[in-house]
Amino acid sequence: MAAAERKAVEKLVSAISQPGFSMVVFADAISDQHPTHQQTIMRAFSAAVDVWYGMYQLGHYDLRNEGTVFTAARMRESLDHHPIPLPYV
């Protein structure tokens, strides 16, 4: 993993792991971003779903992240039937 991406993930994990952090406020803040940035964030989330789906297929999960990989698998399988393009506009 490149240094910039690793640093971004570490900052995100640190922020969302803080007591009192609101996922709802976080999501709302994303919706306040420019539409192009929202699309970029969704592409990043979609890439994460793809990685988790791969973990699901390989059985590389345990009780700590089972919900994540199972949810990602359902999302990915649903999107495979009805793909939605996420172009950079």
PDB file of N, CA and C in Angstrom:
ATOM      1  N   MET A   1       0.865  -1.175   0.000  1.00  0.00           N
ATOM      2  CA  MET A   1       0.000   0.000   0.000  1.00  0.00           C
ATOM      3  C   MET A   1       0.905   1.230   0.000  1.00  0.00           C
ATOM      4  N   ALA A   2       0.574   2.190  -0.819  1.00  0.00           N
ATOM      5  CA  ALA A   2       1.349   3.422  -0.901  1.00  0.00           C
ATOM      6  C   ALA A   2       1.196   4.239   0.376  1.00  0.00           C
ATOM      7  N   ALA A   3       2.181   5.065   0.641  1.00  0.00           N
ATOM      8  CA  ALA A   3       2.218   5.842   1.881  1.00  0.00           C
ATOM      9  C   ALA A   3       1.009   6.771   2.027  1.00  0.00           C
ATOM     10  N   ALA A   4       0.599   7.433   0.960  1.00  0.00           N
ATOM     11  CA  ALA A   4      -0.525   8.382   1.043  1.00  0.00           C
ATOM     12  C   ALA A   4      -1.823   7.664   1.395  1.00  0.00           C
ATOM     13  N   GLU A   5      -2.059   6.523   0.777  1.00  0.00           N
ATOM     14  CA  GLU A   5      -3.276   5.770   1.055  1.00  0.00           C
ATOM     15  C   GLU A   5      -3.266   5.220   2.487  1.00  0.00           C
ATOM     16  N   ARG A   6      -2.120   4.697   2.925  1.00  0.00           N
ATOM     17  CA  ARG A   6      -2.016   4.174   4.284  1.00  0.00           C
ATOM     18  C   ARG A   6      -2.264   5.282   5.312  1.00  0.00           C
ATOM     19  N   LYS A   7      -1.694   6.450   5.061  1.00  0.00           N
ATOM     20  CA  LYS A   7      -1.867   7.585   5.972  1.00  0.00           C
ATOM     21  C   LYS A   7      -3.341   8.010   6.030  1.00  0.00           C
ATOM     22  N   ALA A   8      -4.015   8.028   4.873  1.00  0.00           N
ATOM     23  CA  ALA A   8      -5.433   8.399   4.832  1.00  0.00           C
ATOM     24  C   ALA A   8      -6.274   7.406   5.626  1.00  0.00           C
ATOM     25  N   VAL A   9      -5.983   6.110   5.473  1.00  0.00           N
ATOM     26  CA  VAL A   9      -6.732   5.082   6.202  1.00  0.00           C
ATOM     27  C   VAL A   9      -6.482   5.218   7.704  1.00  0.00           C
ATOM     28  N   GLU A  10      -5.240   5.425   8.099  1.00  0.00           N
ATOM     29  CA  GLU A  10      -4.927   5.558   9.518  1.00  0.00           C
ATOM     30  C   GLU A  10      -5.634   6.759  10.132  1.00  0.00           C
ATOM     31  N   LYS A  11      -5.700   7.874   9.405  1.00  0.00           N
ATOM     32  CA  LYS A  11      -6.413   9.057   9.904  1.00  0.00           C
ATOM     33  C   LYS A  11      -7.907   8.777  10.027  1.00  0.00           C
ATOM     34  N   LEU A  12      -8.469   8.108   9.037  1.00  0.00           N
ATOM     35  CA  LEU A  12      -9.894   7.775   9.069  1.00  0.00           C
ATOM     36  C   LEU A  12     -10.203   6.865  10.247  1.00  0.00           C
ATOM     37  N   VAL A  13      -9.430   5.801  10.413  1.00  0.00           N
ATOM     38  CA  VAL A  13      -9.659   4.863  11.514  1.00  0.00           C
ATOM     39  C   VAL A  13      -9.531   5.572  12.849  1.00  0.00           C
ATOM     40  N   SER A  14      -8.545   6.420  12.987  1.00  0.00           N
ATOM     41  CA  SER A  14      -8.353   7.159  14.235  1.00  0.00           C
ATOM     42  C   SER A  14      -9.557   8.056  14.526  1.00  0.00           C
ATOM     43  N   ALA A  15     -10.040   8.732  13.519  1.00  0.00           N
ATOM     44  CA  ALA A  15     -11.167   9.652  13.711  1.00  0.00           C
ATOM     45  C   ALA A  15     -12.460   8.906  14.054  1.00  0.00           C
ATOM     46  N   ILE A  16     -12.788   7.866  13.302  1.00  0.00           N
ATOM     47  CA  ILE A  16     -14.074   7.202  13.512  1.00  0.00           C
ATOM     48  C   ILE A  16     -14.084   6.294  14.729  1.00  0.00           C
ATOM     49  N   SER A  17     -12.910   6.021  15.292  1.00  0.00           N
ATOM     50  CA  SER A  17     -12.822   5.182  16.488  1.00  0.00           C
ATOM     51  C   SER A  17     -12.920   5.979  17.785  1.00  0.00           C
ATOM     52  N   GLN A  18     -12.987   7.285  17.674  1.00  0.00           N
ATOM     53  CA  GLN A  18     -13.069   8.131  18.863  1.00  0.00           C
ATOM     54  C   GLN A  18     -14.435   7.981  19.529  1.00  0.00           C
ATOM     55  N   PRO A  19     -14.457   7.939  20.864  1.00  0.00           N
ATOM     56  CA  PRO A  19     -15.749   7.887  21.561  1.00  0.00           C
ATOM     57  C   PRO A  19     -16.617   9.090  21.166  1.00  0.00           C
ATOM     58  N   GLY A  20     -17.876   8.836  20.925  1.00  0.00           N
ATOM     59  CA  GLY A  20     -18.799   9.911  20.572  1.00  0.00           C
ATOM     60  C   GLY A  20     -18.825  10.271  19.095  1.00  0.00           C
ATOM     61  N   PHE A  21     -17.967   9.647  18.296  1.00  0.00           N
ATOM     62  CA  PHE A  21     -17.978   9.930  16.864  1.00  0.00           C
ATOM     63  C   PHE A  21     -19.308   9.468  16.290  1.00  0.00           C
ATOM     64  N   SER A  22     -19.953  10.345  15.527  1.00  0.00           N
ATOM     65  CA  SER A  22     -21.259  10.027  14.956  1.00  0.00           C
ATOM     66  C   SER A  22     -21.128   9.647  13.481  1.00  0.00           C
ATOM     67  N   MET A  23     -21.487   8.412  13.170  1.00  0.00           N
ATOM     68  CA  MET A  23     -21.473   7.961  11.780  1.00  0.00           C
ATOM     69  C   MET A  23     -22.496   8.744  10.954  1.00  0.00           C
ATOM     70  N   VAL A  24     -23.602   9.130  11.584  1.00  0.00           N
ATOM     71  CA  VAL A  24     -24.642   9.889  10.887  1.00  0.00           C
ATOM     72  C   VAL A  24     -24.127  11.280  10.523  1.00  0.00           C
ATOM     73  N   VAL A  25     -23.471  11.943  11.461  1.00  0.00           N
ATOM     74  CA  VAL A  25     -22.902  13.265  11.186  1.00  0.00           C
ATOM     75  C   VAL A  25     -21.808  13.147  10.126  1.00  0.00           C
ATOM     76  N   PHE A  26     -21.014  12.093  10.204  1.00  0.00           N
ATOM     77  CA  PHE A  26     -19.973  11.829   9.203  1.00  0.00           C
ATOM     78  C   PHE A  26     -20.594  11.699   7.811  1.00  0.00           C
ATOM     79  N   ALA A  27     -21.634  10.887   7.708  1.00  0.00           N
ATOM     80  CA  ALA A  27     -22.307  10.700   6.418  1.00  0.00           C
ATOM     81  C   ALA A  27     -22.916  12.004   5.922  1.00  0.00           C
ATOM     82  N   ASP A  28     -23.495  12.772   6.831  1.00  0.00           N
ATOM     83  CA  ASP A  28     -24.080  14.061   6.463  1.00  0.00           C
ATOM     84  C   ASP A  28     -22.997  15.010   5.956  1.00  0.00           C
ATOM     85  N   ALA A  29     -21.828  14.976   6.602  1.00  0.00           N
ATOM     86  CA  ALA A  29     -20.728  15.837   6.159  1.00  0.00           C
ATOM     87  C   ALA A  29     -20.268  15.462   4.756  1.00  0.00           C
ATOM     88  N   ILE A  30     -20.286  14.175   4.452  1.00  0.00           N
ATOM     89  CA  ILE A  30     -19.943  13.747   3.087  1.00  0.00           C
ATOM     90  C   ILE A  30     -20.962  14.314   2.102  1.00  0.00           C
ATOM     91  N   SER A  31     -22.234  14.289   2.487  1.00  0.00           N
ATOM     92  CA  SER A  31     -23.277  14.788   1.574  1.00  0.00           C
ATOM     93  C   SER A  31     -23.182  16.290   1.345  1.00  0.00           C
ATOM     94  N   ASP A  32     -22.452  16.983   2.222  1.00  0.00           N
ATOM     95  CA  ASP A  32     -22.246  18.422   2.053  1.00  0.00           C
ATOM     96  C   ASP A  32     -21.092  18.736   1.100  1.00  0.00           C
ATOM     97  N   GLN A  33     -20.331  17.714   0.743  1.00  0.00           N
ATOM     98  CA  GLN A  33     -19.198  17.912  -0.158  1.00  0.00           C
ATOM     99  C   GLN A  33     -19.683  18.122  -1.596  1.00  0.00           C
ATOM    100  N   HIS A  34     -18.811  18.661  -2.405  1.00  0.00           N
ATOM    101  CA  HIS A  34     -19.104  18.856  -3.820  1.00  0.00           C
ATOM    102  C   HIS A  34     -19.504  17.504  -4.422  1.00  0.00           C
ATOM    103  N   PRO A  35     -20.487  17.480  -5.329  1.00  0.00           N
ATOM    104  CA  PRO A  35     -20.930  16.216  -5.922  1.00  0.00           C
ATOM    105  C   PRO A  35     -19.797  15.371  -6.524  1.00  0.00           C
ATOM    106  N   THR A  36     -18.809  16.009  -7.139  1.00  0.00           N
ATOM    107  CA  THR A  36     -17.679  15.252  -7.683  1.00  0.00           C
ATOM    108  C   THR A  36     -16.920  14.544  -6.566  1.00  0.00           C
ATOM    109  N   HIS A  37     -16.750  15.220  -5.427  1.00  0.00           N
ATOM    110  CA  HIS A  37     -16.060  14.606  -4.290  1.00  0.00           C
ATOM    111  C   HIS A  37     -16.896  13.468  -3.702  1.00  0.00           C
ATOM    112  N   GLN A  38     -18.219  13.641  -3.681  1.00  0.00           N
ATOM    113  CA  GLN A  38     -19.082  12.561  -3.211  1.00  0.00           C
ATOM    114  C   GLN A  38     -18.893  11.320  -4.082  1.00  0.00           C
ATOM    115  N   GLN A  39     -18.811  11.530  -5.373  1.00  0.00           N
ATOM    116  CA  GLN A  39     -18.635  10.423  -6.311  1.00  0.00           C
ATOM    117  C   GLN A  39     -17.271   9.752  -6.086  1.00  0.00           C
ATOM    118  N   THR A  40     -16.242  10.548  -5.829  1.00  0.00           N
ATOM    119  CA  THR A  40     -14.910  10.010  -5.567  1.00  0.00           C
ATOM    120  C   THR A  40     -14.909   9.181  -4.292  1.00  0.00           C
ATOM    121  N   ILE A  41     -15.579   9.674  -3.259  1.00  0.00           N
ATOM    122  CA  ILE A  41     -15.679   8.924  -2.006  1.00  0.00           C
ATOM    123  C   ILE A  41     -16.412   7.607  -2.247  1.00  0.00           C
ATOM    124  N   MET A  42     -17.479   7.630  -3.037  1.00  0.00           N
ATOM    125  CA  MET A  42     -18.209   6.396  -3.322  1.00  0.00           C
ATOM    126  C   MET A  42     -17.335   5.416  -4.095  1.00  0.00           C
ATOM    127  N   ARG A  43     -16.494   5.914  -5.006  1.00  0.00           N
ATOM    128  CA  ARG A  43     -15.580   5.020  -5.719  1.00  0.00           C
ATOM    129  C   ARG A  43     -14.604   4.372  -4.742  1.00  0.00           C
ATOM    130  N   ALA A  44     -14.133   5.135  -3.755  1.00  0.00           N
ATOM    131  CA  ALA A  44     -13.237   4.576  -2.737  1.00  0.00           C
ATOM    132  C   ALA A  44     -13.972   3.528  -1.913  1.00  0.00           C
ATOM    133  N   PHE A  45     -15.215   3.819  -1.500  1.00  0.00           N
ATOM    134  CA  PHE A  45     -16.007   2.850  -0.746  1.00  0.00           C
ATOM    135  C   PHE A  45     -16.267   1.600  -1.583  1.00  0.00           C
ATOM    136  N   SER A  46     -16.528   1.786  -2.876  1.00  0.00           N
ATOM    137  CA  SER A  46     -16.777   0.650  -3.764  1.00  0.00           C
ATOM    138  C   SER A  46     -15.532  -0.223  -3.896  1.00  0.00           C
ATOM    139  N   ALA A  47     -14.366   0.403  -3.943  1.00  0.00           N
ATOM    140  CA  ALA A  47     -13.118  -0.362  -3.995  1.00  0.00           C
ATOM    141  C   ALA A  47     -12.947  -1.181  -2.719  1.00  0.00           C
ATOM    142  N   ALA A  48     -13.319  -0.601  -1.575  1.00  0.00           N
ATOM    143  CA  ALA A  48     -13.253  -1.333  -0.308  1.00  0.00           C
ATOM    144  C   ALA A  48     -14.212  -2.522  -0.337  1.00  0.00           C
ATOM    145  N   VAL A  49     -15.409  -2.314  -0.865  1.00  0.00           N
ATOM    146  CA  VAL A  49     -16.377  -3.408  -0.981  1.00  0.00           C
ATOM    147  C   VAL A  49     -15.794  -4.526  -1.835  1.00  0.00           C
ATOM    148  N   ASP A  50     -15.127  -4.171  -2.924  1.00  0.00           N
ATOM    149  CA  ASP A  50     -14.516  -5.188  -3.785  1.00  0.00           C
ATOM    150  C   ASP A  50     -13.456  -5.997  -3.036  1.00  0.00           C
ATOM    151  N   VAL A  51     -12.641  -5.324  -2.234  1.00  0.00           N
ATOM    152  CA  VAL A  51     -11.600  -6.019  -1.462  1.00  0.00           C
ATOM    153  C   VAL A  51     -12.247  -6.943  -0.432  1.00  0.00           C
ATOM    154  N   TRP A  52     -13.252  -6.450   0.290  1.00  0.00           N
ATOM    155  CA  TRP A  52     -13.946  -7.279   1.278  1.00  0.00           C
ATOM    156  C   TRP A  52     -14.644  -8.468   0.613  1.00  0.00           C
ATOM    157  N   TYR A  53     -15.176  -8.257  -0.591  1.00  0.00           N
ATOM    158  CA  TYR A  53     -15.808  -9.352  -1.328  1.00  0.00           C
ATOM    159  C   TYR A  53     -14.779 -10.436  -1.638  1.00  0.00           C
ATOM    160  N   GLY A  54     -13.599 -10.016  -2.036  1.00  0.00           N
ATOM    161  CA  GLY A  54     -12.523 -10.977  -2.276  1.00  0.00           C
ATOM    162  C   GLY A  54     -12.172 -11.754  -1.011  1.00  0.00           C
ATOM    163  N   MET A  55     -12.162 -11.065   0.127  1.00  0.00           N
ATOM    164  CA  MET A  55     -11.910 -11.734   1.406  1.00  0.00           C
ATOM    165  C   MET A  55     -13.014 -12.751   1.697  1.00  0.00           C
ATOM    166  N   TYR A  56     -14.256 -12.380   1.379  1.00  0.00           N
ATOM    167  CA  TYR A  56     -15.404 -13.282   1.555  1.00  0.00           C
ATOM    168  C   TYR A  56     -15.219 -14.542   0.720  1.00  0.00           C
ATOM    169  N   GLN A  57     -14.868 -14.350  -0.539  1.00  0.00           N
ATOM    170  CA  GLN A  57     -14.701 -15.485  -1.440  1.00  0.00           C
ATOM    171  C   GLN A  57     -13.596 -16.434  -0.972  1.00  0.00           C
ATOM    172  N   LEU A  58     -12.544 -15.873  -0.381  1.00  0.00           N
ATOM    173  CA  LEU A  58     -11.412 -16.680   0.077  1.00  0.00           C
ATOM    174  C   LEU A  58     -11.580 -17.197   1.500  1.00  0.00           C
ATOM    175  N   GLY A  59     -12.635 -16.736   2.178  1.00  0.00           N
ATOM    176  CA  GLY A  59     -12.841 -17.134   3.560  1.00  0.00           C
ATOM    177  C   GLY A  59     -11.887 -16.453   4.518  1.00  0.00           C
ATOM    178  N   HIS A  60     -11.335 -15.319   4.132  1.00  0.00           N
ATOM    179  CA  HIS A  60     -10.377 -14.580   4.957  1.00  0.00           C
ATOM    180  C   HIS A  60     -11.094 -13.571   5.851  1.00  0.00           C
ATOM    181  N   TYR A  61     -11.779 -14.076   6.847  1.00  0.00           N
ATOM    182  CA  TYR A  61     -12.477 -13.230   7.812  1.00  0.00           C
ATOM    183  C   TYR A  61     -12.709 -14.062   9.067  1.00  0.00           C
ATOM    184  N   ASP A  62     -13.058 -13.363  10.135  1.00  0.00           N
ATOM    185  CA  ASP A  62     -13.426 -14.037  11.384  1.00  0.00           C
ATOM    186  C   ASP A  62     -14.585 -13.263  12.009  1.00  0.00           C
ATOM    187  N   LEU A  63     -14.925 -13.565  13.231  1.00  0.00           N
ATOM    188  CA  LEU A  63     -16.088 -12.928  13.855  1.00  0.00           C
ATOM    189  C   LEU A  63     -15.957 -11.410  13.963  1.00  0.00           C
ATOM    190  N   ARG A  64     -14.727 -10.898  13.977  1.00  0.00           N
ATOM    191  CA  ARG A  64     -14.529  -9.451  14.113  1.00  0.00           C
ATOM    192  C   ARG A  64     -14.931  -8.682  12.860  1.00  0.00           C
ATOM    193  N   ASN A  65     -14.812  -9.297  11.696  1.00  0.00           N
ATOM    194  CA  ASN A  65     -15.176  -8.588  10.461  1.00  0.00           C
ATOM    195  C   ASN A  65     -16.121  -9.379   9.562  1.00  0.00           C
ATOM    196  N   GLU A  66     -16.711 -10.430  10.121  1.00  0.00           N
ATOM    197  CA  GLU A  66     -17.645 -11.257   9.350  1.00  0.00           C
ATOM    198  C   GLU A  66     -18.807 -10.426   8.798  1.00  0.00           C
ATOM    199  N   GLY A  67     -19.385  -9.549   9.617  1.00  0.00           N
ATOM    200  CA  GLY A  67     -20.486  -8.710   9.151  1.00  0.00           C
ATOM    201  C   GLY A  67     -20.073  -7.825   7.989  1.00  0.00           C
ATOM    202  N   THR A  68     -18.852  -7.326   8.047  1.00  0.00           N
ATOM    203  CA  THR A  68     -18.340  -6.472   6.971  1.00  0.00           C
ATOM    204  C   THR A  68     -18.237  -7.236   5.665  1.00  0.00           C
ATOM    205  N   VAL A  69     -17.587  -8.402   5.698  1.00  0.00           N
ATOM    206  CA  VAL A  69     -17.402  -9.126   4.446  1.00  0.00           C
ATOM    207  C   VAL A  69     -18.708  -9.718   3.922  1.00  0.00           C
ATOM    208  N   PHE A  70     -19.618 -10.132   4.820  1.00  0.00           N
ATOM    209  CA  PHE A  70     -20.908 -10.638   4.363  1.00  0.00           C
ATOM    210  C   PHE A  70     -21.737  -9.506   3.734  1.00  0.00           C
ATOM    211  N   THR A  71     -21.722  -8.342   4.365  1.00  0.00           N
ATOM    212  CA  THR A  71     -22.442  -7.187   3.812  1.00  0.00           C
ATOM    213  C   THR A  71     -21.850  -6.793   2.462  1.00  0.00           C
ATOM    214  N   ALA A  72     -20.524  -6.765   2.384  1.00  0.00           N
ATOM    215  CA  ALA A  72     -19.856  -6.424   1.124  1.00  0.00           C
ATOM    216  C   ALA A  72     -20.226  -7.427   0.029  1.00  0.00           C
ATOM    217  N   ALA A  73     -20.305  -8.699   0.393  1.00  0.00           N
ATOM    218  CA  ALA A  73     -20.660  -9.722  -0.599  1.00  0.00           C
ATOM    219  C   ALA A  73     -22.063  -9.492  -1.138  1.00  0.00           C
ATOM    220  N   ARG A  74     -22.995  -9.183  -0.241  1.00  0.00           N
ATOM    221  CA  ARG A  74     -24.370  -8.934  -0.704  1.00  0.00           C
ATOM    222  C   ARG A  74     -24.434  -7.683  -1.577  1.00  0.00           C
ATOM    223  N   MET A  75     -23.697  -6.647  -1.191  1.00  0.00           N
ATOM    224  CA  MET A  75     -23.673  -5.424  -1.995  1.00  0.00           C
ATOM    225  C   MET A  75     -23.073  -5.700  -3.367  1.00  0.00           C
ATOM    226  N   ARG A  76     -21.940  -6.370  -3.389  1.00  0.00           N
ATOM    227  CA  ARG A  76     -21.254  -6.650  -4.648  1.00  0.00           C
ATOM    228  C   ARG A  76     -22.108  -7.517  -5.563  1.00  0.00           C
ATOM    229  N   GLU A  77     -22.713  -8.545  -5.005  1.00  0.00           N
ATOM    230  CA  GLU A  77     -23.549  -9.420  -5.826  1.00  0.00           C
ATOM    231  C   GLU A  77     -24.754  -8.670  -6.377  1.00  0.00           C
ATOM    232  N   SER A  78     -25.325  -7.789  -5.591  1.00  0.00           N
ATOM    233  CA  SER A  78     -26.444  -6.975  -6.063  1.00  0.00           C
ATOM    234  C   SER A  78     -25.996  -6.039  -7.178  1.00  0.00           C
ATOM    235  N   LEU A  79     -24.856  -5.402  -6.981  1.00  0.00           N
ATOM    236  CA  LEU A  79     -24.353  -4.472  -7.989  1.00  0.00           C
ATOM    237  C   LEU A  79     -23.908  -5.188  -9.254  1.00  0.00           C
ATOM    238  N   ASP A  80     -23.450  -6.432  -9.127  1.00  0.00           N
ATOM    239  CA  ASP A  80     -23.078  -7.193 -10.322  1.00  0.00           C
ATOM    240  C   ASP A  80     -24.280  -7.405 -11.232  1.00  0.00           C
ATOM    241  N   HIS A  81     -25.478  -7.513 -10.644  1.00  0.00           N
ATOM    242  CA  HIS A  81     -26.697  -7.699 -11.434  1.00  0.00           C
ATOM    243  C   HIS A  81     -27.173  -6.388 -12.052  1.00  0.00           C
ATOM    244  N   HIS A  82     -26.893  -5.278 -11.394  1.00  0.00           N
ATOM    245  CA  HIS A  82     -27.335  -3.957 -11.850  1.00  0.00           C
ATOM    246  C   HIS A  82     -26.221  -2.937 -11.610  1.00  0.00           C
ATOM    247  N   PRO A  83     -25.152  -2.997 -12.392  1.00  0.00           N
ATOM    248  CA  PRO A  83     -24.012  -2.088 -12.156  1.00  0.00           C
ATOM    249  C   PRO A  83     -24.407  -0.623 -12.329  1.00  0.00           C
ATOM    250  N   ILE A  84     -23.791   0.199 -11.525  1.00  0.00           N
ATOM    251  CA  ILE A  84     -24.019   1.649 -11.576  1.00  0.00           C
ATOM    252  C   ILE A  84     -22.680   2.311 -11.855  1.00  0.00           C
ATOM    253  N   PRO A  85     -22.562   3.042 -12.951  1.00  0.00           N
ATOM    254  CA  PRO A  85     -21.280   3.693 -13.246  1.00  0.00           C
ATOM    255  C   PRO A  85     -21.005   4.836 -12.261  1.00  0.00           C
ATOM    256  N   LEU A  86     -19.732   5.012 -11.934  1.00  0.00           N
ATOM    257  CA  LEU A  86     -19.318   6.088 -11.033  1.00  0.00           C
ATOM    258  C   LEU A  86     -18.204   6.895 -11.697  1.00  0.00           C
ATOM    259  N   PRO A  87     -18.514   7.577 -12.805  1.00  0.00           N
ATOM    260  CA  PRO A  87     -17.455   8.315 -13.522  1.00  0.00           C
ATOM    261  C   PRO A  87     -16.989   9.551 -12.750  1.00  0.00           C
ATOM    262  N   TYR A  88     -15.794   9.972 -13.044  1.00  0.00           N
ATOM    263  CA  TYR A  88     -15.279  11.241 -12.501  1.00  0.00           C
ATOM    264  C   TYR A  88     -15.783  12.346 -13.416  1.00  0.00           C
ATOM    265  N   VAL A  89     -16.665  13.173 -12.924  1.00  0.00           N
ATOM    266  CA  VAL A  89     -17.261  14.235 -13.743  1.00  0.00           C
ATOM    267  C   VAL A  89     -16.948  15.587 -13.128  1.00  0.00           C
TER     268      VAL A  89
END
